[in-house]
Each structure stands twice: as C-alpha cells, then as structure tokens.
Amino acid sequence: MNVTLEVKGLSKRYSRRRVVEDLHLQAASGQVLGLLGANGSGKSTVIKMIAGLVRPDSGSVHLRIDDTDIDHRLVNNHCGLVAPYLTLYDEFSPLELLHLHAELHGRLTEPGRSELLLAMLGLDSVSSRTIRDFSSGMRQRLTIAIALSLRPPLLLLDEPGVTLDDAGRSALAACITNARQDGSVIILATNDDREQGLCDRVVRMTDD
C-alpha cells in the first residue's frame, strides 16, 4: 500500500477565535507525523477536518492511495480514528464490535485479525464480555483495536494515550509500528511529551 496525505492551507475559526490558520502538512506511507500542543491549540480540530468530520473554512485535504486520488468526501471511509469523543456500544463485546465495524464499512475482517489485535492490546481474555463494565483504559484499548482492524491507509490518533497505563502505552507503540509496516500514514495529536518519541517529525501548534 502506497499512501500520501497532503494538507494545504487548512483554516478554521469558531466565532471570532482563530483555531487553525493556514496549516500545511505532508506525510507518506509508514510515517508518523505528530501534532504537538496544549489543550485548545487546535489539534483535535485538525484531526476532525482531515477525517471529514468538520468542514474547514478554507484549505483542502488530499489523500492518494496506490495512484488513486480519493474524493475528499470519501476520506473518512479510509480512516481509522482514535479520539476521546468517540463512543462505544455498551451492549456489545469487543469481538462483536470489531465485526460490526467491518460490516458498516462493507468489509469482512481478516481471519484471526480481530483476535490478534485484541491480544496485542491485552483484551484477549475479555474478548467475549460485554464492554458495559470496562474501565476507561480498556475502552481506549478497544477503540485502538477498532481503528486498526481494517488496516486503514490513514490512521488518525487524537490523544490516543489518554487513560492508558504503561502497559497500554507499550501496546499503543506496538500498534503504531504495525500500522507503519502496513504502509499507513499516521497522524498523532498529543500534548504528552512521551508520545513525541513515536513520531518521525512534529508540527507544534500554539494557542494564539
């Protein structure tokens, strides 16, 4: 898989406040680009604009996969997203949610893929339990598994280490390595300096 992402001149304002202004980014297969900054610096807004969840005031997002330009309205179909604002259905088990995610994308999960990811993230022993009583850290691990399950060309990680313990952070690093090897482009938004070491290069965002 050969993937390139190019962000040109993204800008977004809410009311009179400038959140993101004239942002340019480029990344290619196997690269991890970090967006570093404090809360309120616009990192989540950038992730949402790239994923197509928020419309920018100006600028564009270009995703190219194996010599095919993806329509900007369909970029979301090629993303795996980890973010604090995502919700999980409490009545499902991890395995059921992974299969549901694939069905909603018109795909089938690869044989053994779900089990492998859950084992990587330390959830194999609870793979058939409903997630209603999962801790916040277990939910975050499951969100990461879902985001990776279909080998997305574009992996968007918005504060992925939140609520994770040291073992969870190690699992997250292993998952990022796995996505690199698959050829994904990875955008990692964080205010945690420990996660900077996972990035090939970083863009520092400021809250003006």
C-alpha atoms as a PDB file:
ATOM      1  CA  MET A   1       0.000   0.000   0.000  1.00  0.00           C
ATOM      2  CA  ASN A   2       1.378   3.351  -1.095  1.00  0.00           C
ATOM      3  CA  VAL A   3      -0.286   6.315   0.622  1.00  0.00           C
ATOM      4  CA  THR A   4       0.315  10.053   0.607  1.00  0.00           C
ATOM      5  CA  LEU A   5      -1.511  12.746   2.547  1.00  0.00           C
ATOM      6  CA  GLU A   6      -1.240  16.435   1.725  1.00  0.00           C
ATOM      7  CA  VAL A   7      -2.997  19.146   3.698  1.00  0.00           C
ATOM      8  CA  LYS A   8      -2.994  22.574   2.090  1.00  0.00           C
ATOM      9  CA  GLY A   9      -3.855  25.805   3.874  1.00  0.00           C
ATOM     10  CA  LEU A  10      -6.405  24.441   6.361  1.00  0.00           C
ATOM     11  CA  SER A  11      -8.061  27.173   8.396  1.00  0.00           C
ATOM     12  CA  LYS A  12     -10.916  27.158  10.886  1.00  0.00           C
ATOM     13  CA  ARG A  13     -12.484  29.787  13.113  1.00  0.00           C
ATOM     14  CA  TYR A  14     -15.211  29.449  15.703  1.00  0.00           C
ATOM     15  CA  SER A  15     -16.983  32.759  16.194  1.00  0.00           C
ATOM     16  CA  ARG A  16     -14.131  35.286  16.285  1.00  0.00           C
ATOM     17  CA  ARG A  17     -11.494  32.859  17.568  1.00  0.00           C
ATOM     18  CA  ARG A  18      -8.920  31.515  15.144  1.00  0.00           C
ATOM     19  CA  VAL A  19      -8.430  27.829  15.931  1.00  0.00           C
ATOM     20  CA  VAL A  20      -6.352  26.736  12.921  1.00  0.00           C
ATOM     21  CA  GLU A  21      -4.826  29.063  10.366  1.00  0.00           C
ATOM     22  CA  ASP A  22      -3.190  28.171   7.031  1.00  0.00           C
ATOM     23  CA  LEU A  23      -1.906  24.753   8.088  1.00  0.00           C
ATOM     24  CA  HIS A  24       0.185  22.731   5.640  1.00  0.00           C
ATOM     25  CA  LEU A  25       1.116  19.086   6.249  1.00  0.00           C
ATOM     26  CA  GLN A  26       2.605  16.261   4.204  1.00  0.00           C
ATOM     27  CA  ALA A  27       3.154  12.609   5.091  1.00  0.00           C
ATOM     28  CA  ALA A  28       3.710   9.347   3.228  1.00  0.00           C
ATOM     29  CA  SER A  29       3.341   5.621   3.862  1.00  0.00           C
ATOM     30  CA  GLY A  30       4.935   4.417   7.071  1.00  0.00           C
ATOM     31  CA  GLN A  31       5.429   7.911   8.500  1.00  0.00           C
ATOM     32  CA  VAL A  32       4.155   9.204  11.839  1.00  0.00           C
ATOM     33  CA  LEU A  33       3.532  12.956  11.855  1.00  0.00           C
ATOM     34  CA  GLY A  34       2.987  14.445  15.291  1.00  0.00           C
ATOM     35  CA  LEU A  35       0.756  17.395  16.101  1.00  0.00           C
ATOM     36  CA  LEU A  36       2.007  18.693  19.431  1.00  0.00           C
ATOM     37  CA  GLY A  37       0.369  21.340  21.553  1.00  0.00           C
ATOM     38  CA  ALA A  38      -1.578  22.167  24.670  1.00  0.00           C
ATOM     39  CA  ASN A  39      -5.320  21.731  25.019  1.00  0.00           C
ATOM     40  CA  GLY A  40      -7.047  24.342  22.887  1.00  0.00           C
ATOM     41  CA  SER A  41      -4.253  24.618  20.330  1.00  0.00           C
ATOM     42  CA  GLY A  42      -6.383  23.178  17.533  1.00  0.00           C
ATOM     43  CA  LYS A  43      -5.060  19.605  17.339  1.00  0.00           C
ATOM     44  CA  SER A  44      -8.474  17.945  17.554  1.00  0.00           C
ATOM     45  CA  THR A  45      -9.917  20.379  15.040  1.00  0.00           C
ATOM     46  CA  VAL A  46      -7.194  19.426  12.567  1.00  0.00           C
ATOM     47  CA  ILE A  47      -7.903  15.719  13.089  1.00  0.00           C
ATOM     48  CA  LYS A  48     -11.629  16.302  12.558  1.00  0.00           C
ATOM     49  CA  MET A  49     -11.020  18.331   9.391  1.00  0.00           C
ATOM     50  CA  ILE A  50      -8.731  15.654   7.938  1.00  0.00           C
ATOM     51  CA  ALA A  51     -11.293  12.963   8.782  1.00  0.00           C
ATOM     52  CA  GLY A  52     -14.086  14.982   7.175  1.00  0.00           C
ATOM     53  CA  LEU A  53     -15.999  15.437  10.431  1.00  0.00           C
ATOM     54  CA  VAL A  54     -15.591  19.225  10.395  1.00  0.00           C
ATOM     55  CA  ARG A  55     -15.615  21.408   7.295  1.00  0.00           C
ATOM     56  CA  PRO A  56     -12.672  23.822   7.086  1.00  0.00           C
ATOM     57  CA  ASP A  57     -13.275  27.479   6.326  1.00  0.00           C
ATOM     58  CA  SER A  58     -10.554  27.200   3.694  1.00  0.00           C
ATOM     59  CA  GLY A  59      -7.922  24.762   2.518  1.00  0.00           C
ATOM     60  CA  SER A  60      -8.039  21.164   1.336  1.00  0.00           C
ATOM     61  CA  VAL A  61      -7.141  17.584   2.222  1.00  0.00           C
ATOM     62  CA  HIS A  62      -5.698  15.297  -0.463  1.00  0.00           C
ATOM     63  CA  LEU A  63      -5.397  11.555   0.130  1.00  0.00           C
ATOM     64  CA  ARG A  64      -3.821   9.324  -2.516  1.00  0.00           C
ATOM     65  CA  ILE A  65      -3.813   5.529  -2.258  1.00  0.00           C
ATOM     66  CA  ASP A  66      -1.926   3.410  -4.790  1.00  0.00           C
ATOM     67  CA  ASP A  67      -2.076   6.078  -7.506  1.00  0.00           C
ATOM     68  CA  THR A  68      -5.772   6.796  -6.890  1.00  0.00           C
ATOM     69  CA  ASP A  69      -6.889  10.201  -5.660  1.00  0.00           C
ATOM     70  CA  ILE A  70      -9.623   9.838  -3.040  1.00  0.00           C
ATOM     71  CA  ASP A  71     -12.578  12.187  -3.264  1.00  0.00           C
ATOM     72  CA  HIS A  72     -12.390  14.484  -0.221  1.00  0.00           C
ATOM     73  CA  ARG A  73     -15.944  13.497   0.704  1.00  0.00           C
ATOM     74  CA  LEU A  74     -14.835   9.858   0.992  1.00  0.00           C
ATOM     75  CA  VAL A  75     -11.637  10.306   3.000  1.00  0.00           C
ATOM     76  CA  ASN A  76     -13.491   9.240   6.146  1.00  0.00           C
ATOM     77  CA  ASN A  77     -14.063   5.786   4.606  1.00  0.00           C
ATOM     78  CA  HIS A  78     -10.308   5.244   4.510  1.00  0.00           C
ATOM     79  CA  CYS A  79      -9.557   6.407   8.071  1.00  0.00           C
ATOM     80  CA  GLY A  80      -9.050   4.676  11.359  1.00  0.00           C
ATOM     81  CA  LEU A  81      -9.824   7.165  14.135  1.00  0.00           C
ATOM     82  CA  VAL A  82      -8.966   7.136  17.838  1.00  0.00           C
ATOM     83  CA  ALA A  83     -10.337  10.116  19.758  1.00  0.00           C
ATOM     84  CA  PRO A  84     -11.754  10.964  23.218  1.00  0.00           C
ATOM     85  CA  TYR A  85     -15.097  11.996  21.721  1.00  0.00           C
ATOM     86  CA  LEU A  86     -15.852   8.565  20.216  1.00  0.00           C
ATOM     87  CA  THR A  87     -18.403   6.335  21.935  1.00  0.00           C
ATOM     88  CA  LEU A  88     -18.725   2.551  22.117  1.00  0.00           C
ATOM     89  CA  TYR A  89     -21.893   0.479  22.297  1.00  0.00           C
ATOM     90  CA  ASP A  90     -22.002  -0.969  25.800  1.00  0.00           C
ATOM     91  CA  GLU A  91     -24.127  -3.988  24.920  1.00  0.00           C
ATOM     92  CA  PHE A  92     -21.544  -5.481  22.552  1.00  0.00           C
ATOM     93  CA  SER A  93     -18.404  -7.476  23.221  1.00  0.00           C
ATOM     94  CA  PRO A  94     -15.028  -6.465  21.715  1.00  0.00           C
ATOM     95  CA  LEU A  95     -15.268  -9.196  19.061  1.00  0.00           C
ATOM     96  CA  GLU A  96     -18.808  -8.170  18.162  1.00  0.00           C
ATOM     97  CA  LEU A  97     -17.807  -4.525  17.821  1.00  0.00           C
ATOM     98  CA  LEU A  98     -14.889  -5.384  15.554  1.00  0.00           C
ATOM     99  CA  HIS A  99     -17.160  -7.406  13.285  1.00  0.00           C
ATOM    100  CA  LEU A 100     -19.830  -4.687  13.338  1.00  0.00           C
ATOM    101  CA  HIS A 101     -17.230  -2.082  12.376  1.00  0.00           C
ATOM    102  CA  ALA A 102     -16.238  -4.188   9.370  1.00  0.00           C
ATOM    103  CA  GLU A 103     -19.867  -4.702   8.318  1.00  0.00           C
ATOM    104  CA  LEU A 104     -20.585  -0.976   8.484  1.00  0.00           C
ATOM    105  CA  HIS A 105     -17.669  -0.444   6.093  1.00  0.00           C
ATOM    106  CA  GLY A 106     -18.841  -3.192   3.758  1.00  0.00           C
ATOM    107  CA  ARG A 107     -15.849  -5.320   4.594  1.00  0.00           C
ATOM    108  CA  LEU A 108     -15.016  -8.675   6.150  1.00  0.00           C
ATOM    109  CA  THR A 109     -12.447  -8.954   8.923  1.00  0.00           C
ATOM    110  CA  GLU A 110      -9.372 -10.955   8.005  1.00  0.00           C
ATOM    111  CA  PRO A 111      -9.309 -14.390   9.652  1.00  0.00           C
ATOM    112  CA  GLY A 112      -7.595 -14.016  13.022  1.00  0.00           C
ATOM    113  CA  ARG A 113      -7.127 -10.245  12.667  1.00  0.00           C
ATOM    114  CA  SER A 114      -9.553  -9.328  15.459  1.00  0.00           C
ATOM    115  CA  GLU A 115      -8.095 -11.871  17.852  1.00  0.00           C
ATOM    116  CA  LEU A 116      -4.552 -10.711  17.088  1.00  0.00           C
ATOM    117  CA  LEU A 117      -5.346  -7.061  17.770  1.00  0.00           C
ATOM    118  CA  LEU A 118      -7.192  -7.813  20.985  1.00  0.00           C
ATOM    119  CA  ALA A 119      -4.230  -9.891  22.161  1.00  0.00           C
ATOM    120  CA  MET A 120      -1.793  -7.090  21.266  1.00  0.00           C
ATOM    121  CA  LEU A 121      -3.887  -4.704  23.344  1.00  0.00           C
ATOM    122  CA  GLY A 122      -4.342  -7.047  26.289  1.00  0.00           C
ATOM    123  CA  LEU A 123      -8.052  -7.632  25.725  1.00  0.00           C
ATOM    124  CA  ASP A 124      -7.968 -11.260  24.608  1.00  0.00           C
ATOM    125  CA  SER A 125      -9.191 -12.528  27.985  1.00  0.00           C
ATOM    126  CA  VAL A 126     -12.315 -10.318  27.797  1.00  0.00           C
ATOM    127  CA  SER A 127     -12.982 -10.553  24.059  1.00  0.00           C
ATOM    128  CA  SER A 128     -16.444 -12.085  24.558  1.00  0.00           C
ATOM    129  CA  ARG A 129     -17.559  -9.971  27.528  1.00  0.00           C
ATOM    130  CA  THR A 130     -19.906  -7.043  27.077  1.00  0.00           C
ATOM    131  CA  ILE A 131     -17.995  -3.799  27.498  1.00  0.00           C
ATOM    132  CA  ARG A 132     -20.536  -2.203  29.847  1.00  0.00           C
ATOM    133  CA  ASP A 133     -18.252  -2.661  32.846  1.00  0.00           C
ATOM    134  CA  PHE A 134     -14.953  -1.965  31.079  1.00  0.00           C
ATOM    135  CA  SER A 135     -12.656   0.620  32.623  1.00  0.00           C
ATOM    136  CA  SER A 136     -11.770   3.762  30.676  1.00  0.00           C
ATOM    137  CA  GLY A 137      -8.368   2.291  29.850  1.00  0.00           C
ATOM    138  CA  MET A 138      -9.919  -0.915  28.488  1.00  0.00           C
ATOM    139  CA  ARG A 139     -12.315   1.133  26.368  1.00  0.00           C
ATOM    140  CA  GLN A 140      -9.414   3.123  24.963  1.00  0.00           C
ATOM    141  CA  ARG A 141      -7.573  -0.079  24.063  1.00  0.00           C
ATOM    142  CA  LEU A 142     -10.676  -1.332  22.281  1.00  0.00           C
ATOM    143  CA  THR A 143     -11.024   1.944  20.378  1.00  0.00           C
ATOM    144  CA  ILE A 144      -7.451   1.492  19.149  1.00  0.00           C
ATOM    145  CA  ALA A 145      -8.205  -2.092  18.056  1.00  0.00           C
ATOM    146  CA  ILE A 146     -11.267  -0.947  16.098  1.00  0.00           C
ATOM    147  CA  ALA A 147      -9.308   1.834  14.390  1.00  0.00           C
ATOM    148  CA  LEU A 148      -6.631  -0.618  13.254  1.00  0.00           C
ATOM    149  CA  SER A 149      -8.865  -3.546  12.396  1.00  0.00           C
ATOM    150  CA  LEU A 150      -9.313  -2.817   8.673  1.00  0.00           C
ATOM    151  CA  ARG A 151      -5.681  -1.780   8.076  1.00  0.00           C
ATOM    152  CA  PRO A 152      -6.685   1.833   7.272  1.00  0.00           C
ATOM    153  CA  PRO A 153      -4.492   3.778   4.848  1.00  0.00           C
ATOM    154  CA  LEU A 154      -4.865   6.810   7.145  1.00  0.00           C
ATOM    155  CA  LEU A 155      -4.678   6.386  10.922  1.00  0.00           C
ATOM    156  CA  LEU A 156      -5.702   9.436  12.949  1.00  0.00           C
ATOM    157  CA  LEU A 157      -4.794   9.322  16.632  1.00  0.00           C
ATOM    158  CA  ASP A 158      -6.175  12.119  18.782  1.00  0.00           C
ATOM    159  CA  GLU A 159      -4.777  11.853  22.331  1.00  0.00           C
ATOM    160  CA  PRO A 160      -4.502   8.049  21.988  1.00  0.00           C
ATOM    161  CA  GLY A 161      -2.611   7.585  25.266  1.00  0.00           C
ATOM    162  CA  VAL A 162      -5.290   9.167  27.429  1.00  0.00           C
ATOM    163  CA  THR A 163      -6.362   6.802  30.254  1.00  0.00           C
ATOM    164  CA  LEU A 164      -3.715   4.212  29.257  1.00  0.00           C
ATOM    165  CA  ASP A 165      -1.325   2.784  31.822  1.00  0.00           C
ATOM    166  CA  ASP A 166       2.303   1.946  30.983  1.00  0.00           C
ATOM    167  CA  ALA A 167       1.361  -1.444  29.548  1.00  0.00           C
ATOM    168  CA  GLY A 168      -1.299   0.213  27.420  1.00  0.00           C
ATOM    169  CA  ARG A 169       1.179   2.766  26.124  1.00  0.00           C
ATOM    170  CA  SER A 170       3.572  -0.022  25.160  1.00  0.00           C
ATOM    171  CA  ALA A 171       0.734  -1.751  23.327  1.00  0.00           C
ATOM    172  CA  LEU A 172      -0.112   1.521  21.556  1.00  0.00           C
ATOM    173  CA  ALA A 173       3.509   1.853  20.384  1.00  0.00           C
ATOM    174  CA  ALA A 174       3.408  -1.718  19.049  1.00  0.00           C
ATOM    175  CA  CYS A 175       0.185  -0.963  17.181  1.00  0.00           C
ATOM    176  CA  ILE A 176       1.715   2.138  15.595  1.00  0.00           C
ATOM    177  CA  THR A 177       4.669   0.019  14.457  1.00  0.00           C
ATOM    178  CA  ASN A 178       2.185  -2.454  12.983  1.00  0.00           C
ATOM    179  CA  ALA A 179       0.409   0.338  11.081  1.00  0.00           C
ATOM    180  CA  ARG A 180       3.749   1.634   9.798  1.00  0.00           C
ATOM    181  CA  GLN A 181       4.544  -1.804   8.409  1.00  0.00           C
ATOM    182  CA  ASP A 182       1.153  -1.898   6.672  1.00  0.00           C
ATOM    183  CA  GLY A 183       2.044   1.357   4.903  1.00  0.00           C
ATOM    184  CA  SER A 184      -0.430   3.611   6.690  1.00  0.00           C
ATOM    185  CA  VAL A 185       0.046   7.337   7.122  1.00  0.00           C
ATOM    186  CA  ILE A 186      -0.282   8.103  10.834  1.00  0.00           C
ATOM    187  CA  ILE A 187      -1.179  11.480  12.334  1.00  0.00           C
ATOM    188  CA  LEU A 188      -0.663  11.597  16.101  1.00  0.00           C
ATOM    189  CA  ALA A 189      -2.113  14.554  18.006  1.00  0.00           C
ATOM    190  CA  THR A 190      -0.934  14.789  21.594  1.00  0.00           C
ATOM    191  CA  ASN A 191       0.023  17.063  24.458  1.00  0.00           C
ATOM    192  CA  ASP A 192       2.041  14.247  26.077  1.00  0.00           C
ATOM    193  CA  ASP A 193       5.775  14.625  25.512  1.00  0.00           C
ATOM    194  CA  ARG A 194       6.243  10.867  25.964  1.00  0.00           C
ATOM    195  CA  GLU A 195       4.459  10.269  22.676  1.00  0.00           C
ATOM    196  CA  GLN A 196       6.748  12.588  20.730  1.00  0.00           C
ATOM    197  CA  GLY A 197       9.248   9.726  20.525  1.00  0.00           C
ATOM    198  CA  LEU A 198       6.753   7.782  18.400  1.00  0.00           C
ATOM    199  CA  CYS A 199       6.871  10.463  15.681  1.00  0.00           C
ATOM    200  CA  ASP A 200       9.213  10.863  12.725  1.00  0.00           C
ATOM    201  CA  ARG A 201       8.647  14.608  12.771  1.00  0.00           C
ATOM    202  CA  VAL A 202       6.366  17.025  14.531  1.00  0.00           C
ATOM    203  CA  VAL A 203       4.389  20.177  13.965  1.00  0.00           C
ATOM    204  CA  ARG A 204       3.990  22.334  17.060  1.00  0.00           C
ATOM    205  CA  MET A 205       0.671  24.086  17.360  1.00  0.00           C
ATOM    206  CA  THR A 206       0.103  27.123  19.522  1.00  0.00           C
ATOM    207  CA  ASP A 207      -2.978  28.618  21.124  1.00  0.00           C
ATOM    208  CA  ASP A 208      -2.930  32.234  19.994  1.00  0.00           C
END
